[in-house]
Amino acid sequence: YVKIPSGDLDRGLGTGTVEAGPGLSVSKWLGSIQLFGEGAYIFQNSRSDYPGHNYVSYLGGAGIQATDRLFLSVLAKGSSSRSEGVEAEAEGRLKLNFLQSRRISWELYGSAGFTDASPDFGGGVMMIYQF
């Protein structure tokens, strides 16, 4: 895992710090059901205006291959506290993956946060093109 700062800390867009760390991702298919999880230990720089510290990031869930083109999953995602005085992140997600063609797939997700450090609600759409 590597994150290079691209936001503007003065405008509240990111931390302005580099983050990097090792992680492990595992998954197992049991018929049409997939179990998956990942974890990482992230080393984070600290600045005088952002007292960040190292943290653990995690994700775990299960999904079902409903049809040849449709995969549905539910997962939990979060991390330990990333800064002094900040609560740990925790959210749940419901995800839908649709395989449009051999090269194009779509992912839609909705999320709900469980802590003050996570957004109350969220969502997103991603198109994946394999070349």
N, C-alpha and C. Protein backbone atom coordinates (compact mmCIF):
# COMPACT_ATOMS: atom_id res chain seq x y z
N TYR A 1 0.86 -1.18 0.00
CA TYR A 1 0.00 0.00 0.00
C TYR A 1 0.89 1.22 0.00
N VAL A 2 0.60 2.16 -0.90
CA VAL A 2 1.32 3.43 -0.95
C VAL A 2 0.31 4.53 -1.28
N LYS A 3 0.35 5.62 -0.51
CA LYS A 3 -0.47 6.80 -0.79
C LYS A 3 0.44 8.01 -0.80
N ILE A 4 0.43 8.72 -1.91
CA ILE A 4 1.22 9.94 -2.03
C ILE A 4 0.25 11.11 -1.94
N PRO A 5 0.53 12.10 -1.11
CA PRO A 5 -0.43 13.20 -0.93
C PRO A 5 -0.67 13.96 -2.23
N SER A 6 -1.95 14.16 -2.52
CA SER A 6 -2.31 14.93 -3.72
C SER A 6 -3.32 16.03 -3.39
N GLY A 7 -3.75 16.12 -2.14
CA GLY A 7 -4.72 17.14 -1.74
C GLY A 7 -4.04 18.36 -1.17
N ASP A 8 -4.83 19.32 -0.77
CA ASP A 8 -4.34 20.57 -0.20
C ASP A 8 -4.73 20.58 1.28
N LEU A 9 -3.77 20.36 2.16
CA LEU A 9 -4.03 20.30 3.60
C LEU A 9 -4.66 21.59 4.12
N ASP A 10 -4.25 22.73 3.58
CA ASP A 10 -4.80 24.02 4.02
C ASP A 10 -6.29 24.15 3.74
N ARG A 11 -6.79 23.39 2.78
CA ARG A 11 -8.23 23.42 2.44
C ARG A 11 -8.96 22.20 2.99
N GLY A 12 -8.29 21.42 3.81
CA GLY A 12 -8.92 20.24 4.38
C GLY A 12 -9.04 19.08 3.41
N LEU A 13 -8.21 19.06 2.39
CA LEU A 13 -8.25 18.00 1.37
C LEU A 13 -7.06 17.08 1.54
N GLY A 14 -7.17 16.14 2.44
CA GLY A 14 -6.10 15.19 2.69
C GLY A 14 -5.24 15.58 3.87
N THR A 15 -4.31 14.72 4.19
CA THR A 15 -3.45 14.91 5.36
C THR A 15 -2.12 15.56 5.02
N GLY A 16 -1.73 15.51 3.75
CA GLY A 16 -0.44 16.05 3.36
C GLY A 16 0.72 15.16 3.74
N THR A 17 0.44 13.90 4.08
CA THR A 17 1.50 12.98 4.48
C THR A 17 1.55 11.77 3.54
N VAL A 18 2.72 11.17 3.45
CA VAL A 18 2.91 9.93 2.72
C VAL A 18 2.52 8.78 3.64
N GLU A 19 1.83 7.78 3.08
CA GLU A 19 1.49 6.57 3.83
C GLU A 19 1.95 5.37 3.01
N ALA A 20 2.48 4.34 3.69
CA ALA A 20 2.90 3.12 3.01
C ALA A 20 2.94 1.99 4.03
N GLY A 21 2.72 0.77 3.56
CA GLY A 21 2.80 -0.35 4.47
C GLY A 21 2.46 -1.67 3.83
N PRO A 22 2.86 -2.76 4.49
CA PRO A 22 2.59 -4.10 3.99
C PRO A 22 1.17 -4.54 4.35
N GLY A 23 0.63 -5.42 3.53
CA GLY A 23 -0.70 -5.94 3.79
C GLY A 23 -0.85 -7.35 3.25
N LEU A 24 -1.98 -7.95 3.56
CA LEU A 24 -2.28 -9.31 3.11
C LEU A 24 -3.74 -9.36 2.72
N SER A 25 -4.01 -9.97 1.57
CA SER A 25 -5.37 -10.15 1.09
C SER A 25 -5.60 -11.63 0.84
N VAL A 26 -6.74 -12.15 1.30
CA VAL A 26 -7.08 -13.56 1.10
C VAL A 26 -8.52 -13.68 0.64
N SER A 27 -8.80 -14.72 -0.14
CA SER A 27 -10.17 -15.02 -0.54
C SER A 27 -10.31 -16.51 -0.77
N LYS A 28 -11.54 -16.98 -0.63
CA LYS A 28 -11.82 -18.41 -0.81
C LYS A 28 -13.21 -18.57 -1.41
N TRP A 29 -13.30 -19.31 -2.50
CA TRP A 29 -14.59 -19.62 -3.11
C TRP A 29 -15.11 -20.93 -2.54
N LEU A 30 -16.36 -20.94 -2.15
CA LEU A 30 -17.07 -22.14 -1.69
C LEU A 30 -18.32 -22.26 -2.56
N GLY A 31 -18.17 -22.91 -3.71
CA GLY A 31 -19.27 -22.94 -4.68
C GLY A 31 -19.45 -21.55 -5.27
N SER A 32 -20.66 -20.99 -5.13
CA SER A 32 -20.92 -19.65 -5.67
C SER A 32 -20.72 -18.55 -4.62
N ILE A 33 -20.26 -18.93 -3.42
CA ILE A 33 -20.01 -17.97 -2.33
C ILE A 33 -18.50 -17.68 -2.25
N GLN A 34 -18.16 -16.42 -2.08
CA GLN A 34 -16.76 -16.04 -1.89
C GLN A 34 -16.62 -15.34 -0.54
N LEU A 35 -15.66 -15.79 0.25
CA LEU A 35 -15.27 -15.13 1.49
C LEU A 35 -13.97 -14.40 1.23
N PHE A 36 -13.82 -13.18 1.75
CA PHE A 36 -12.61 -12.42 1.47
C PHE A 36 -12.27 -11.50 2.64
N GLY A 37 -11.00 -11.17 2.71
CA GLY A 37 -10.54 -10.26 3.75
C GLY A 37 -9.17 -9.71 3.42
N GLU A 38 -8.86 -8.58 4.03
CA GLU A 38 -7.52 -8.02 3.87
C GLU A 38 -7.20 -7.16 5.08
N GLY A 39 -5.93 -7.05 5.32
CA GLY A 39 -5.45 -6.21 6.42
C GLY A 39 -4.11 -5.62 6.05
N ALA A 40 -3.81 -4.47 6.62
CA ALA A 40 -2.53 -3.81 6.33
C ALA A 40 -2.10 -2.99 7.55
N TYR A 41 -0.81 -2.89 7.74
CA TYR A 41 -0.25 -2.01 8.76
C TYR A 41 0.35 -0.83 8.00
N ILE A 42 -0.16 0.36 8.25
CA ILE A 42 0.22 1.54 7.48
C ILE A 42 1.12 2.46 8.32
N PHE A 43 2.29 2.76 7.76
CA PHE A 43 3.21 3.73 8.37
C PHE A 43 2.84 5.10 7.80
N GLN A 44 2.62 6.06 8.69
CA GLN A 44 2.16 7.37 8.26
C GLN A 44 3.08 8.45 8.81
N ASN A 45 3.45 9.38 7.96
CA ASN A 45 4.25 10.53 8.40
C ASN A 45 3.39 11.43 9.28
N SER A 46 4.04 12.23 10.08
CA SER A 46 3.37 13.20 10.94
C SER A 46 3.90 14.58 10.61
N ARG A 47 3.05 15.59 10.75
CA ARG A 47 3.46 16.98 10.53
C ARG A 47 3.06 17.78 11.76
N SER A 48 3.58 18.99 11.87
CA SER A 48 3.23 19.81 13.03
C SER A 48 1.74 20.14 13.05
N ASP A 49 1.13 20.26 11.86
CA ASP A 49 -0.30 20.55 11.80
C ASP A 49 -1.17 19.31 11.60
N TYR A 50 -0.57 18.14 11.50
CA TYR A 50 -1.31 16.89 11.41
C TYR A 50 -0.55 15.81 12.19
N PRO A 51 -0.96 15.53 13.41
CA PRO A 51 -0.25 14.56 14.25
C PRO A 51 -0.67 13.11 13.95
N GLY A 52 -0.46 12.68 12.73
CA GLY A 52 -0.83 11.32 12.35
C GLY A 52 0.09 10.28 12.97
N HIS A 53 -0.43 9.07 13.09
CA HIS A 53 0.41 7.97 13.56
C HIS A 53 0.06 6.70 12.81
N ASN A 54 0.88 5.68 12.94
CA ASN A 54 0.69 4.43 12.23
C ASN A 54 -0.65 3.81 12.63
N TYR A 55 -1.25 3.06 11.69
CA TYR A 55 -2.56 2.47 11.96
C TYR A 55 -2.73 1.15 11.22
N VAL A 56 -3.76 0.40 11.62
CA VAL A 56 -4.12 -0.86 10.99
C VAL A 56 -5.38 -0.62 10.17
N SER A 57 -5.40 -1.10 8.93
CA SER A 57 -6.55 -1.01 8.05
C SER A 57 -7.08 -2.42 7.80
N TYR A 58 -8.41 -2.59 7.73
CA TYR A 58 -8.98 -3.93 7.54
C TYR A 58 -10.21 -3.88 6.65
N LEU A 59 -10.53 -5.03 6.09
CA LEU A 59 -11.72 -5.21 5.28
C LEU A 59 -12.06 -6.69 5.33
N GLY A 60 -13.33 -7.03 5.44
CA GLY A 60 -13.74 -8.43 5.42
C GLY A 60 -15.18 -8.55 5.00
N GLY A 61 -15.50 -9.62 4.27
CA GLY A 61 -16.87 -9.78 3.84
C GLY A 61 -17.11 -11.07 3.10
N ALA A 62 -18.31 -11.14 2.51
CA ALA A 62 -18.73 -12.31 1.75
C ALA A 62 -19.57 -11.85 0.57
N GLY A 63 -19.54 -12.64 -0.49
CA GLY A 63 -20.31 -12.32 -1.68
C GLY A 63 -20.85 -13.58 -2.33
N ILE A 64 -21.80 -13.37 -3.22
CA ILE A 64 -22.39 -14.50 -3.94
C ILE A 64 -22.43 -14.18 -5.43
N GLN A 65 -22.03 -15.15 -6.25
CA GLN A 65 -22.11 -15.03 -7.70
C GLN A 65 -23.54 -15.38 -8.07
N ALA A 66 -24.40 -14.36 -8.18
CA ALA A 66 -25.83 -14.56 -8.40
C ALA A 66 -26.13 -15.10 -9.80
N THR A 67 -25.44 -14.55 -10.82
CA THR A 67 -25.55 -15.02 -12.20
C THR A 67 -24.14 -14.99 -12.79
N ASP A 68 -24.01 -15.36 -14.07
CA ASP A 68 -22.70 -15.31 -14.72
C ASP A 68 -22.13 -13.90 -14.75
N ARG A 69 -22.99 -12.88 -14.72
CA ARG A 69 -22.54 -11.50 -14.84
C ARG A 69 -22.71 -10.67 -13.58
N LEU A 70 -23.37 -11.20 -12.56
CA LEU A 70 -23.73 -10.41 -11.39
C LEU A 70 -23.16 -11.01 -10.10
N PHE A 71 -22.40 -10.18 -9.35
CA PHE A 71 -21.81 -10.58 -8.08
C PHE A 71 -22.26 -9.57 -7.02
N LEU A 72 -22.85 -10.03 -5.93
CA LEU A 72 -23.32 -9.20 -4.83
C LEU A 72 -22.48 -9.50 -3.59
N SER A 73 -22.10 -8.45 -2.85
CA SER A 73 -21.31 -8.68 -1.65
C SER A 73 -21.66 -7.68 -0.55
N VAL A 74 -21.36 -8.07 0.67
CA VAL A 74 -21.51 -7.22 1.84
C VAL A 74 -20.18 -7.29 2.59
N LEU A 75 -19.72 -6.15 3.11
CA LEU A 75 -18.42 -6.16 3.76
C LEU A 75 -18.33 -5.09 4.84
N ALA A 76 -17.39 -5.27 5.72
CA ALA A 76 -17.05 -4.29 6.75
C ALA A 76 -15.67 -3.75 6.43
N LYS A 77 -15.48 -2.44 6.59
CA LYS A 77 -14.22 -1.79 6.25
C LYS A 77 -13.91 -0.78 7.34
N GLY A 78 -12.64 -0.66 7.71
CA GLY A 78 -12.29 0.32 8.71
C GLY A 78 -10.82 0.36 9.00
N SER A 79 -10.48 1.07 10.07
CA SER A 79 -9.09 1.18 10.49
C SER A 79 -9.05 1.59 11.96
N SER A 80 -7.90 1.42 12.54
CA SER A 80 -7.69 1.96 13.88
C SER A 80 -7.54 3.47 13.75
N SER A 81 -7.45 4.18 14.84
CA SER A 81 -7.33 5.63 14.82
C SER A 81 -6.09 6.05 14.02
N ARG A 82 -6.25 7.08 13.18
CA ARG A 82 -5.15 7.55 12.33
C ARG A 82 -4.45 8.77 12.90
N SER A 83 -5.00 9.35 13.97
CA SER A 83 -4.43 10.56 14.55
C SER A 83 -4.85 10.66 16.00
N GLU A 84 -4.08 11.38 16.79
CA GLU A 84 -4.41 11.58 18.21
C GLU A 84 -5.78 12.22 18.36
N GLY A 85 -6.60 11.67 19.24
CA GLY A 85 -7.90 12.24 19.53
C GLY A 85 -8.96 11.97 18.49
N VAL A 86 -8.67 11.14 17.49
CA VAL A 86 -9.62 10.81 16.44
C VAL A 86 -10.10 9.38 16.63
N GLU A 87 -11.40 9.18 16.47
CA GLU A 87 -12.00 7.86 16.62
C GLU A 87 -11.58 6.95 15.47
N ALA A 88 -11.64 5.64 15.68
CA ALA A 88 -11.35 4.67 14.62
C ALA A 88 -12.45 4.71 13.57
N GLU A 89 -12.11 4.40 12.33
CA GLU A 89 -13.09 4.35 11.24
C GLU A 89 -13.74 2.98 11.19
N ALA A 90 -15.04 2.94 10.87
CA ALA A 90 -15.75 1.67 10.68
C ALA A 90 -16.98 1.94 9.82
N GLU A 91 -17.15 1.15 8.76
CA GLU A 91 -18.32 1.29 7.90
C GLU A 91 -18.71 -0.05 7.32
N GLY A 92 -19.95 -0.15 6.90
CA GLY A 92 -20.45 -1.33 6.21
C GLY A 92 -20.76 -0.95 4.77
N ARG A 93 -20.56 -1.88 3.86
CA ARG A 93 -20.82 -1.61 2.44
C ARG A 93 -21.62 -2.75 1.82
N LEU A 94 -22.47 -2.36 0.89
CA LEU A 94 -23.18 -3.30 0.05
C LEU A 94 -22.72 -3.01 -1.36
N LYS A 95 -22.23 -4.04 -2.07
CA LYS A 95 -21.59 -3.84 -3.37
C LYS A 95 -22.24 -4.73 -4.43
N LEU A 96 -22.35 -4.18 -5.63
CA LEU A 96 -22.87 -4.90 -6.79
C LEU A 96 -21.84 -4.79 -7.91
N ASN A 97 -21.40 -5.92 -8.43
CA ASN A 97 -20.47 -5.95 -9.56
C ASN A 97 -21.20 -6.56 -10.76
N PHE A 98 -21.16 -5.86 -11.90
CA PHE A 98 -21.83 -6.32 -13.11
C PHE A 98 -20.80 -6.42 -14.24
N LEU A 99 -20.68 -7.60 -14.83
CA LEU A 99 -19.77 -7.85 -15.95
C LEU A 99 -20.53 -7.55 -17.24
N GLN A 100 -20.21 -6.42 -17.86
CA GLN A 100 -20.91 -6.00 -19.08
C GLN A 100 -20.42 -6.78 -20.29
N SER A 101 -19.11 -6.96 -20.38
CA SER A 101 -18.50 -7.70 -21.49
C SER A 101 -17.20 -8.32 -20.99
N ARG A 102 -16.47 -8.94 -21.91
CA ARG A 102 -15.21 -9.57 -21.52
C ARG A 102 -14.22 -8.54 -20.97
N ARG A 103 -14.30 -7.28 -21.39
CA ARG A 103 -13.35 -6.25 -20.99
C ARG A 103 -13.92 -5.21 -20.02
N ILE A 104 -15.22 -5.03 -19.98
CA ILE A 104 -15.82 -3.95 -19.19
C ILE A 104 -16.70 -4.51 -18.07
N SER A 105 -16.47 -4.00 -16.87
CA SER A 105 -17.34 -4.33 -15.74
C SER A 105 -17.63 -3.06 -14.95
N TRP A 106 -18.71 -3.09 -14.18
CA TRP A 106 -19.15 -1.95 -13.39
C TRP A 106 -19.26 -2.37 -11.94
N GLU A 107 -18.92 -1.46 -11.05
CA GLU A 107 -19.08 -1.70 -9.61
C GLU A 107 -19.87 -0.53 -9.02
N LEU A 108 -20.93 -0.85 -8.27
CA LEU A 108 -21.72 0.15 -7.57
C LEU A 108 -21.70 -0.23 -6.09
N TYR A 109 -21.59 0.76 -5.21
CA TYR A 109 -21.64 0.44 -3.79
C TYR A 109 -22.34 1.54 -3.01
N GLY A 110 -22.91 1.14 -1.90
CA GLY A 110 -23.48 2.06 -0.93
C GLY A 110 -22.87 1.73 0.42
N SER A 111 -22.67 2.75 1.26
CA SER A 111 -22.03 2.50 2.55
C SER A 111 -22.74 3.27 3.66
N ALA A 112 -22.58 2.78 4.86
CA ALA A 112 -23.08 3.44 6.06
C ALA A 112 -21.97 3.41 7.11
N GLY A 113 -21.70 4.57 7.70
CA GLY A 113 -20.65 4.67 8.72
C GLY A 113 -21.19 4.34 10.10
N PHE A 114 -20.31 3.76 10.93
CA PHE A 114 -20.68 3.38 12.28
C PHE A 114 -19.99 4.21 13.36
N THR A 115 -19.03 5.05 12.96
CA THR A 115 -18.31 5.89 13.92
C THR A 115 -18.27 7.33 13.39
N ASP A 116 -17.92 8.26 14.25
CA ASP A 116 -17.82 9.66 13.85
C ASP A 116 -16.72 9.90 12.83
N ALA A 117 -15.71 9.03 12.77
CA ALA A 117 -14.61 9.20 11.82
C ALA A 117 -14.98 8.72 10.42
N SER A 118 -16.15 8.08 10.27
CA SER A 118 -16.61 7.58 8.98
C SER A 118 -17.78 8.42 8.48
N PRO A 119 -17.94 8.56 7.16
CA PRO A 119 -19.11 9.28 6.64
C PRO A 119 -20.39 8.58 7.07
N ASP A 120 -21.46 9.34 7.33
CA ASP A 120 -22.73 8.73 7.70
C ASP A 120 -23.23 7.80 6.60
N PHE A 121 -23.20 8.29 5.35
CA PHE A 121 -23.61 7.50 4.20
C PHE A 121 -22.69 7.83 3.04
N GLY A 122 -22.56 6.90 2.12
CA GLY A 122 -21.72 7.14 0.95
C GLY A 122 -22.11 6.21 -0.17
N GLY A 123 -21.47 6.38 -1.30
CA GLY A 123 -21.73 5.53 -2.44
C GLY A 123 -20.77 5.85 -3.56
N GLY A 124 -20.75 4.99 -4.53
CA GLY A 124 -19.85 5.22 -5.65
C GLY A 124 -20.13 4.29 -6.81
N VAL A 125 -19.58 4.66 -7.95
CA VAL A 125 -19.67 3.89 -9.17
C VAL A 125 -18.28 3.84 -9.79
N MET A 126 -17.89 2.68 -10.27
CA MET A 126 -16.59 2.55 -10.92
C MET A 126 -16.75 1.69 -12.17
N MET A 127 -16.14 2.11 -13.26
CA MET A 127 -16.09 1.30 -14.46
C MET A 127 -14.66 0.74 -14.56
N ILE A 128 -14.56 -0.54 -14.84
CA ILE A 128 -13.26 -1.20 -14.97
C ILE A 128 -13.12 -1.68 -16.41
N TYR A 129 -12.03 -1.27 -17.06
CA TYR A 129 -11.73 -1.70 -18.41
C TYR A 129 -10.44 -2.53 -18.37
N GLN A 130 -10.54 -3.78 -18.77
CA GLN A 130 -9.36 -4.67 -18.79
C GLN A 130 -8.80 -4.72 -20.20
N PHE A 131 -7.52 -4.40 -20.31
CA PHE A 131 -6.89 -4.41 -21.63
C PHE A 131 -5.74 -5.36 -21.67
